[in-house]
Amino acid sequence: MILGVKAFTPRLTAIRGAGEYQYKPGKNITEKAKCANTGFHLCEDPLDCLDYYDWDGKNQFWAVAAGGDIDEDGHGTRISCTEITLIRRITEEEFLLLHANYVMWHPAGHLDQNRGPFHIAYKGAPISGKLEDWLCSINGFDCVIAQVDGIKVFPDTRYTFAELKEAAK
């Protein structure tokens, strides 16, 4: 079993072959798994889901478990499988925590980035965002996540890891 994240349309559907597939909470089963072709797709690193679906308040992002036959093609962290269990819909903070967990297990090659409402910095680099954006600073095996709320964490203010940790208290 592999744990990951899957993104969906607002109706809990995803493009599959020539049409849309309607997922249901719990276990979904299909016959074949081949990345970018057949099977149920998910990503080990949640950020890779943003290559396929925007975090726009409409699309849904779920924690999932992959089983059965598994296919990986080396395109990011996407996986195709024949069994996918939808565990539950995740929040922005959980999305970033799952990304931080992925980074801690796979520490090489991560670059600071802004993806939709998410601003992510590594190794204590400064980070900032607009009101209601989410900041995630990952420094070794420590991580701090905070929403830019204008009360504790201010828009357009650059925070180092230590500064964001203090502001988020």
C-alpha atoms as a PDB file:
ATOM      1  CA  MET A   1       0.000   0.000   0.000  1.00  0.00           C
ATOM      2  CA  ILE A   2       1.193   3.519  -0.852  1.00  0.00           C
ATOM      3  CA  LEU A   3      -0.240   6.625   0.793  1.00  0.00           C
ATOM      4  CA  GLY A   4      -0.656   9.752  -1.290  1.00  0.00           C
ATOM      5  CA  VAL A   5      -2.991  12.495  -2.422  1.00  0.00           C
ATOM      6  CA  LYS A   6      -5.503  12.548  -5.261  1.00  0.00           C
ATOM      7  CA  ALA A   7      -7.154  15.614  -6.736  1.00  0.00           C
ATOM      8  CA  PHE A   8     -10.695  15.674  -8.106  1.00  0.00           C
ATOM      9  CA  THR A   9     -13.187  17.988  -9.729  1.00  0.00           C
ATOM     10  CA  PRO A  10     -15.813  19.536  -7.435  1.00  0.00           C
ATOM     11  CA  ARG A  11     -18.056  16.510  -8.134  1.00  0.00           C
ATOM     12  CA  LEU A  12     -15.431  13.961  -6.979  1.00  0.00           C
ATOM     13  CA  THR A  13     -14.754  12.945 -10.583  1.00  0.00           C
ATOM     14  CA  ALA A  14     -11.543  12.735 -12.585  1.00  0.00           C
ATOM     15  CA  ILE A  15     -10.777  12.428 -16.271  1.00  0.00           C
ATOM     16  CA  ARG A  16     -10.208   8.794 -17.137  1.00  0.00           C
ATOM     17  CA  GLY A  17      -9.708   7.601 -20.698  1.00  0.00           C
ATOM     18  CA  ALA A  18     -12.348   9.177 -22.914  1.00  0.00           C
ATOM     19  CA  GLY A  19     -14.556  10.396 -20.069  1.00  0.00           C
ATOM     20  CA  GLU A  20     -14.964  11.134 -16.404  1.00  0.00           C
ATOM     21  CA  TYR A  21     -14.941   8.532 -13.647  1.00  0.00           C
ATOM     22  CA  GLN A  22     -17.142   9.047 -10.600  1.00  0.00           C
ATOM     23  CA  TYR A  23     -15.233   8.111  -7.443  1.00  0.00           C
ATOM     24  CA  LYS A  24     -16.855   7.158  -4.174  1.00  0.00           C
ATOM     25  CA  PRO A  25     -15.443   7.436  -0.661  1.00  0.00           C
ATOM     26  CA  GLY A  26     -13.907   4.104   0.331  1.00  0.00           C
ATOM     27  CA  LYS A  27     -12.400   1.569  -2.083  1.00  0.00           C
ATOM     28  CA  ASN A  28     -12.566   1.923  -5.875  1.00  0.00           C
ATOM     29  CA  ILE A  29     -11.322  -0.918  -8.098  1.00  0.00           C
ATOM     30  CA  THR A  30     -10.351  -1.136 -11.769  1.00  0.00           C
ATOM     31  CA  GLU A  31      -8.594  -3.712 -13.940  1.00  0.00           C
ATOM     32  CA  LYS A  32      -5.360  -2.137 -15.231  1.00  0.00           C
ATOM     33  CA  ALA A  33      -2.803   0.425 -14.082  1.00  0.00           C
ATOM     34  CA  LYS A  34      -0.531   2.335 -16.467  1.00  0.00           C
ATOM     35  CA  CYS A  35       0.478   5.932 -15.739  1.00  0.00           C
ATOM     36  CA  ALA A  36      -1.127   8.542 -18.008  1.00  0.00           C
ATOM     37  CA  ASN A  37      -3.256   5.801 -19.563  1.00  0.00           C
ATOM     38  CA  THR A  38      -5.326   3.569 -17.265  1.00  0.00           C
ATOM     39  CA  GLY A  39      -5.986   3.028 -13.597  1.00  0.00           C
ATOM     40  CA  PHE A  40      -6.467   5.398 -10.699  1.00  0.00           C
ATOM     41  CA  HIS A  41      -3.850   8.125 -10.403  1.00  0.00           C
ATOM     42  CA  LEU A  42      -2.444   9.797  -7.306  1.00  0.00           C
ATOM     43  CA  CYS A  43       0.747  11.551  -6.260  1.00  0.00           C
ATOM     44  CA  GLU A  44       3.097  10.732  -3.406  1.00  0.00           C
ATOM     45  CA  ASP A  45       4.050  14.419  -3.177  1.00  0.00           C
ATOM     46  CA  PRO A  46       0.824  16.427  -2.871  1.00  0.00           C
ATOM     47  CA  LEU A  47       2.361  19.362  -4.776  1.00  0.00           C
ATOM     48  CA  ASP A  48       2.446  17.220  -7.920  1.00  0.00           C
ATOM     49  CA  CYS A  49      -1.381  17.139  -7.840  1.00  0.00           C
ATOM     50  CA  LEU A  50      -1.283  20.857  -8.644  1.00  0.00           C
ATOM     51  CA  ASP A  51       0.057  19.948 -12.108  1.00  0.00           C
ATOM     52  CA  TYR A  52      -3.388  18.506 -12.856  1.00  0.00           C
ATOM     53  CA  TYR A  53      -5.884  20.425 -10.683  1.00  0.00           C
ATOM     54  CA  ASP A  54      -5.840  23.921  -9.194  1.00  0.00           C
ATOM     55  CA  TRP A  55      -6.389  24.467  -5.485  1.00  0.00           C
ATOM     56  CA  ASP A  56      -9.211  26.893  -6.164  1.00  0.00           C
ATOM     57  CA  GLY A  57     -11.715  26.181  -3.378  1.00  0.00           C
ATOM     58  CA  LYS A  58     -13.784  24.078  -5.786  1.00  0.00           C
ATOM     59  CA  ASN A  59     -11.616  21.082  -6.646  1.00  0.00           C
ATOM     60  CA  GLN A  60     -11.236  18.448  -3.935  1.00  0.00           C
ATOM     61  CA  PHE A  61      -7.978  16.982  -2.609  1.00  0.00           C
ATOM     62  CA  TRP A  62      -8.112  13.692  -0.694  1.00  0.00           C
ATOM     63  CA  ALA A  63      -5.710  11.545   1.283  1.00  0.00           C
ATOM     64  CA  VAL A  64      -5.760   8.146  -0.430  1.00  0.00           C
ATOM     65  CA  ALA A  65      -4.226   4.689  -0.202  1.00  0.00           C
ATOM     66  CA  ALA A  66      -3.104   2.916  -3.391  1.00  0.00           C
ATOM     67  CA  GLY A  67      -3.090  -0.851  -3.692  1.00  0.00           C
ATOM     68  CA  GLY A  68      -3.351  -3.687  -6.166  1.00  0.00           C
ATOM     69  CA  ASP A  69      -1.133  -3.352  -9.229  1.00  0.00           C
ATOM     70  CA  ILE A  70       1.025  -0.214  -9.100  1.00  0.00           C
ATOM     71  CA  ASP A  71       2.668   1.568 -12.054  1.00  0.00           C
ATOM     72  CA  GLU A  72       5.126   4.467 -11.818  1.00  0.00           C
ATOM     73  CA  ASP A  73       6.581   6.241 -14.830  1.00  0.00           C
ATOM     74  CA  GLY A  74       9.025   8.693 -13.241  1.00  0.00           C
ATOM     75  CA  HIS A  75       6.929  11.763 -14.127  1.00  0.00           C
ATOM     76  CA  GLY A  76       7.038  13.559 -10.791  1.00  0.00           C
ATOM     77  CA  THR A  77       5.605  11.320  -8.105  1.00  0.00           C
ATOM     78  CA  ARG A  78       2.487  10.214  -9.951  1.00  0.00           C
ATOM     79  CA  ILE A  79       1.363   6.639  -9.576  1.00  0.00           C
ATOM     80  CA  SER A  80      -1.327   4.590 -11.257  1.00  0.00           C
ATOM     81  CA  CYS A  81      -2.982   1.744  -9.362  1.00  0.00           C
ATOM     82  CA  THR A  82      -5.850  -0.725  -9.660  1.00  0.00           C
ATOM     83  CA  GLU A  83      -7.215  -0.105  -6.152  1.00  0.00           C
ATOM     84  CA  ILE A  84      -7.592   3.294  -4.559  1.00  0.00           C
ATOM     85  CA  THR A  85      -9.188   3.978  -1.201  1.00  0.00           C
ATOM     86  CA  LEU A  86     -10.380   7.510  -0.565  1.00  0.00           C
ATOM     87  CA  ILE A  87      -9.666   8.172   3.103  1.00  0.00           C
ATOM     88  CA  ARG A  88     -10.869  11.749   3.552  1.00  0.00           C
ATOM     89  CA  ARG A  89     -10.786  15.226   2.092  1.00  0.00           C
ATOM     90  CA  ILE A  90      -7.814  17.254   3.323  1.00  0.00           C
ATOM     91  CA  THR A  91      -7.401  20.891   4.326  1.00  0.00           C
ATOM     92  CA  GLU A  92      -4.748  23.314   3.108  1.00  0.00           C
ATOM     93  CA  GLU A  93      -2.721  22.782   6.288  1.00  0.00           C
ATOM     94  CA  GLU A  94      -2.892  18.981   5.940  1.00  0.00           C
ATOM     95  CA  PHE A  95      -1.881  19.282   2.271  1.00  0.00           C
ATOM     96  CA  LEU A  96       1.257  21.172   3.306  1.00  0.00           C
ATOM     97  CA  LEU A  97       1.977  18.784   6.197  1.00  0.00           C
ATOM     98  CA  LEU A  98       1.808  15.856   3.777  1.00  0.00           C
ATOM     99  CA  HIS A  99       4.207  17.700   1.454  1.00  0.00           C
ATOM    100  CA  ALA A 100       6.585  18.395   4.367  1.00  0.00           C
ATOM    101  CA  ASN A 101       6.456  14.705   5.295  1.00  0.00           C
ATOM    102  CA  TYR A 102       7.287  13.765   1.699  1.00  0.00           C
ATOM    103  CA  VAL A 103      10.241  16.206   1.716  1.00  0.00           C
ATOM    104  CA  MET A 104      11.578  14.748   4.951  1.00  0.00           C
ATOM    105  CA  TRP A 105      11.615  11.283   3.406  1.00  0.00           C
ATOM    106  CA  HIS A 106      12.958  12.598   0.059  1.00  0.00           C
ATOM    107  CA  PRO A 107      15.174  15.577   0.998  1.00  0.00           C
ATOM    108  CA  ALA A 108      17.085  16.165  -2.254  1.00  0.00           C
ATOM    109  CA  GLY A 109      16.241  18.582  -5.029  1.00  0.00           C
ATOM    110  CA  HIS A 110      13.478  20.796  -3.628  1.00  0.00           C
ATOM    111  CA  LEU A 111      13.341  24.422  -4.775  1.00  0.00           C
ATOM    112  CA  ASP A 112      11.406  27.274  -3.170  1.00  0.00           C
ATOM    113  CA  GLN A 113       8.112  27.665  -4.969  1.00  0.00           C
ATOM    114  CA  ASN A 114       4.729  29.327  -5.156  1.00  0.00           C
ATOM    115  CA  ARG A 115       1.895  27.064  -6.289  1.00  0.00           C
ATOM    116  CA  GLY A 116      -1.570  28.605  -6.110  1.00  0.00           C
ATOM    117  CA  PRO A 117      -2.207  29.706  -2.527  1.00  0.00           C
ATOM    118  CA  PHE A 118       0.867  27.794  -1.306  1.00  0.00           C
ATOM    119  CA  HIS A 119       4.276  29.420  -0.790  1.00  0.00           C
ATOM    120  CA  ILE A 120       6.993  26.965   0.199  1.00  0.00           C
ATOM    121  CA  ALA A 121      10.571  27.665   1.274  1.00  0.00           C
ATOM    122  CA  TYR A 122      13.314  25.224   2.217  1.00  0.00           C
ATOM    123  CA  LYS A 123      16.402  25.567   4.431  1.00  0.00           C
ATOM    124  CA  GLY A 124      15.161  28.690   6.226  1.00  0.00           C
ATOM    125  CA  ALA A 125      14.862  30.844   3.086  1.00  0.00           C
ATOM    126  CA  PRO A 126      12.586  33.898   3.399  1.00  0.00           C
ATOM    127  CA  ILE A 127       8.960  33.440   2.413  1.00  0.00           C
ATOM    128  CA  SER A 128       5.942  35.721   1.952  1.00  0.00           C
ATOM    129  CA  GLY A 129       2.434  35.691   0.550  1.00  0.00           C
ATOM    130  CA  LYS A 130      -0.803  37.604   0.117  1.00  0.00           C
ATOM    131  CA  LEU A 131      -3.729  37.670   2.530  1.00  0.00           C
ATOM    132  CA  GLU A 132      -5.234  34.146   2.918  1.00  0.00           C
ATOM    133  CA  ASP A 133      -2.235  32.439   1.251  1.00  0.00           C
ATOM    134  CA  TRP A 134      -0.474  29.591   3.063  1.00  0.00           C
ATOM    135  CA  LEU A 135       3.207  29.678   4.003  1.00  0.00           C
ATOM    136  CA  CYS A 136       5.217  26.514   4.596  1.00  0.00           C
ATOM    137  CA  SER A 137       8.837  26.737   5.687  1.00  0.00           C
ATOM    138  CA  ILE A 138      10.729  23.449   5.867  1.00  0.00           C
ATOM    139  CA  ASN A 139      14.118  23.420   7.585  1.00  0.00           C
ATOM    140  CA  GLY A 140      15.672  19.973   7.932  1.00  0.00           C
ATOM    141  CA  PHE A 141      13.240  17.833   9.927  1.00  0.00           C
ATOM    142  CA  ASP A 142      11.264  20.823  11.193  1.00  0.00           C
ATOM    143  CA  CYS A 143       8.409  22.586   9.506  1.00  0.00           C
ATOM    144  CA  VAL A 144       6.157  25.535  10.226  1.00  0.00           C
ATOM    145  CA  ILE A 145       2.897  26.215   8.417  1.00  0.00           C
ATOM    146  CA  ALA A 146       0.826  29.367   8.777  1.00  0.00           C
ATOM    147  CA  GLN A 147      -1.907  31.137   6.902  1.00  0.00           C
ATOM    148  CA  VAL A 148      -1.390  34.810   6.076  1.00  0.00           C
ATOM    149  CA  ASP A 149      -4.203  36.193   8.224  1.00  0.00           C
ATOM    150  CA  GLY A 150      -3.199  39.837   8.686  1.00  0.00           C
ATOM    151  CA  ILE A 151      -3.251  39.334  12.471  1.00  0.00           C
ATOM    152  CA  LYS A 152      -0.303  37.073  13.324  1.00  0.00           C
ATOM    153  CA  VAL A 153       1.173  36.622   9.855  1.00  0.00           C
ATOM    154  CA  PHE A 154       1.094  39.686   7.612  1.00  0.00           C
ATOM    155  CA  PRO A 155       0.762  39.915   3.829  1.00  0.00           C
ATOM    156  CA  ASP A 156       3.806  40.838   1.751  1.00  0.00           C
ATOM    157  CA  THR A 157       6.123  40.425   4.752  1.00  0.00           C
ATOM    158  CA  ARG A 158       9.169  38.214   4.290  1.00  0.00           C
ATOM    159  CA  TYR A 159       9.634  35.662   7.084  1.00  0.00           C
ATOM    160  CA  THR A 160      12.633  33.435   7.693  1.00  0.00           C
ATOM    161  CA  PHE A 161      11.957  30.018   9.201  1.00  0.00           C
ATOM    162  CA  ALA A 162      12.588  31.310  12.741  1.00  0.00           C
ATOM    163  CA  GLU A 163      10.477  34.448  12.204  1.00  0.00           C
ATOM    164  CA  LEU A 164       7.530  32.486  10.816  1.00  0.00           C
ATOM    165  CA  LYS A 165       7.757  30.003  13.686  1.00  0.00           C
ATOM    166  CA  GLU A 166       7.596  32.889  16.176  1.00  0.00           C
ATOM    167  CA  ALA A 167       4.772  34.678  14.320  1.00  0.00           C
ATOM    168  CA  ALA A 168       2.675  31.505  14.025  1.00  0.00           C
ATOM    169  CA  LYS A 169       2.640  30.894  17.818  1.00  0.00           C
END
